[in-house]
Amino acid sequence: MSQIAIVYDESKQRKFCLLEAQGSLETDSASGLQGQRDFATIERLDGDKVQMKIGVHRVQGSVAKLKKPFAVMKKRSDECTTTNDACYDIEAIIKEKIIFKMRPDVVL
């Protein structure tokens, strides 16, 4: 039987959020968005409203809680103990998502 150790350290948590868009994000780069960390600016407005700016485009969205939170895990390269087959650290727990349902506006 395989054993997997999961390590949760709340002091090392980063805040993650899931983005949900109706459509796709396109770029002129041959590699797309892969490896890009900063491609947009998201600003939280009043209540559960948000606004995302990408270049000259702006799109409105809203924040919604996930029915079931889920964890972002990263496999450790070193072994936790000799009795475990693998060991994972929990990087973040995602509890909400940002939903963009509308088409973007052009900001001049």
Protein backbone atom coordinates (compact mmCIF):
# COMPACT_ATOMS: atom_id res chain seq x y z
CA MET A 1 0.00 0.00 0.00
CA SER A 2 1.30 3.45 -0.91
CA GLN A 3 1.49 6.19 1.68
CA ILE A 4 1.49 9.88 0.82
CA ALA A 5 2.34 12.51 3.42
CA ILE A 6 0.68 15.93 3.09
CA VAL A 7 2.23 18.82 5.03
CA TYR A 8 0.10 21.88 5.81
CA ASP A 9 1.78 24.96 7.29
CA GLU A 10 -0.71 27.83 7.55
CA SER A 11 2.04 30.40 8.15
CA LYS A 12 3.46 29.76 4.65
CA GLN A 13 0.13 30.10 2.81
CA ARG A 14 -0.17 32.36 -0.21
CA LYS A 15 -3.52 33.67 -1.41
CA PHE A 16 -4.64 32.10 -4.67
CA CYS A 17 -7.84 32.62 -6.62
CA LEU A 18 -9.37 30.78 -9.56
CA LEU A 19 -10.16 32.80 -12.71
CA GLU A 20 -13.11 31.77 -14.87
CA ALA A 21 -13.60 33.43 -18.25
CA GLN A 22 -16.12 32.94 -21.03
CA GLY A 23 -13.69 32.53 -23.91
CA SER A 24 -9.92 32.49 -24.09
CA LEU A 25 -6.96 34.79 -23.54
CA GLU A 26 -4.85 35.31 -26.64
CA THR A 27 -1.39 36.79 -27.08
CA ASP A 28 0.98 37.62 -29.95
CA SER A 29 3.77 35.66 -28.26
CA ALA A 30 4.59 32.23 -29.73
CA SER A 31 4.70 30.70 -26.23
CA GLY A 32 1.31 32.17 -25.27
CA LEU A 33 0.84 32.95 -21.59
CA GLN A 34 3.02 30.04 -20.46
CA GLY A 35 5.59 31.23 -17.95
CA GLN A 36 4.15 34.74 -17.70
CA ARG A 37 3.33 35.72 -14.16
CA ASP A 38 2.05 39.26 -14.78
CA PHE A 39 -0.33 39.53 -17.70
CA ALA A 40 -3.18 41.53 -16.13
CA THR A 41 -4.15 43.79 -13.25
CA ILE A 42 -7.17 42.79 -11.17
CA GLU A 43 -8.78 45.41 -8.95
CA ARG A 44 -11.43 44.63 -6.37
CA LEU A 45 -14.28 47.18 -6.45
CA ASP A 46 -17.31 47.58 -4.15
CA GLY A 47 -18.79 44.38 -2.74
CA ASP A 48 -18.08 41.32 -4.87
CA LYS A 49 -17.27 43.25 -8.08
CA VAL A 50 -13.85 43.16 -9.76
CA GLN A 51 -12.23 44.69 -12.81
CA MET A 52 -9.41 43.16 -14.87
CA LYS A 53 -7.21 45.22 -17.18
CA ILE A 54 -5.14 43.56 -19.90
CA GLY A 55 -3.31 46.05 -22.09
CA VAL A 56 -5.97 48.39 -23.51
CA HIS A 57 -8.86 46.07 -22.56
CA ARG A 58 -10.99 46.13 -19.42
CA VAL A 59 -13.54 43.52 -18.32
CA GLN A 60 -15.93 43.50 -15.35
CA GLY A 61 -16.44 40.43 -13.19
CA SER A 62 -17.60 39.19 -9.80
CA VAL A 63 -16.24 37.10 -6.93
CA ALA A 64 -17.98 33.88 -5.90
CA LYS A 65 -17.20 31.39 -3.16
CA LEU A 66 -16.38 27.85 -4.25
CA LYS A 67 -18.80 25.16 -3.04
CA LYS A 68 -15.82 23.05 -2.00
CA PRO A 69 -12.38 24.61 -1.45
CA PHE A 70 -9.42 22.79 -2.94
CA ALA A 71 -5.69 22.71 -2.33
CA VAL A 72 -2.74 23.62 -4.56
CA MET A 73 -0.04 21.08 -3.74
CA LYS A 74 3.62 20.82 -4.67
CA LYS A 75 5.57 17.59 -4.56
CA ARG A 76 8.71 17.69 -2.43
CA SER A 77 11.96 16.64 -4.05
CA ASP A 78 13.28 15.32 -0.73
CA GLU A 79 11.58 12.49 1.17
CA CYS A 80 9.56 13.33 4.29
CA THR A 81 10.13 9.99 5.97
CA THR A 82 11.25 6.57 4.83
CA THR A 83 7.74 5.13 5.30
CA ASN A 84 6.08 7.48 2.78
CA ASP A 85 6.18 6.96 -0.98
CA ALA A 86 5.72 10.69 -1.65
CA CYS A 87 5.40 13.93 0.25
CA TYR A 88 3.45 17.05 -0.74
CA ASP A 89 3.34 20.57 0.68
CA ILE A 90 0.08 22.51 0.47
CA GLU A 91 0.96 25.80 -1.23
CA ALA A 92 -2.51 27.37 -0.95
CA ILE A 93 -6.15 26.65 -0.32
CA ILE A 94 -8.45 28.18 -2.93
CA LYS A 95 -11.79 29.29 -1.50
CA GLU A 96 -13.11 31.70 -4.14
CA LYS A 97 -13.17 32.31 -7.87
CA ILE A 98 -13.45 35.38 -10.05
CA ILE A 99 -15.97 35.04 -12.87
CA PHE A 100 -15.79 37.14 -16.03
CA LYS A 101 -19.00 36.71 -18.09
CA MET A 102 -18.94 39.88 -20.19
CA ARG A 103 -16.94 40.91 -23.24
CA PRO A 104 -14.02 43.29 -22.61
CA ASP A 105 -14.27 47.02 -23.32
CA VAL A 106 -11.48 48.94 -25.06
CA VAL A 107 -9.98 51.70 -22.91
CA LEU A 108 -8.41 54.55 -24.84
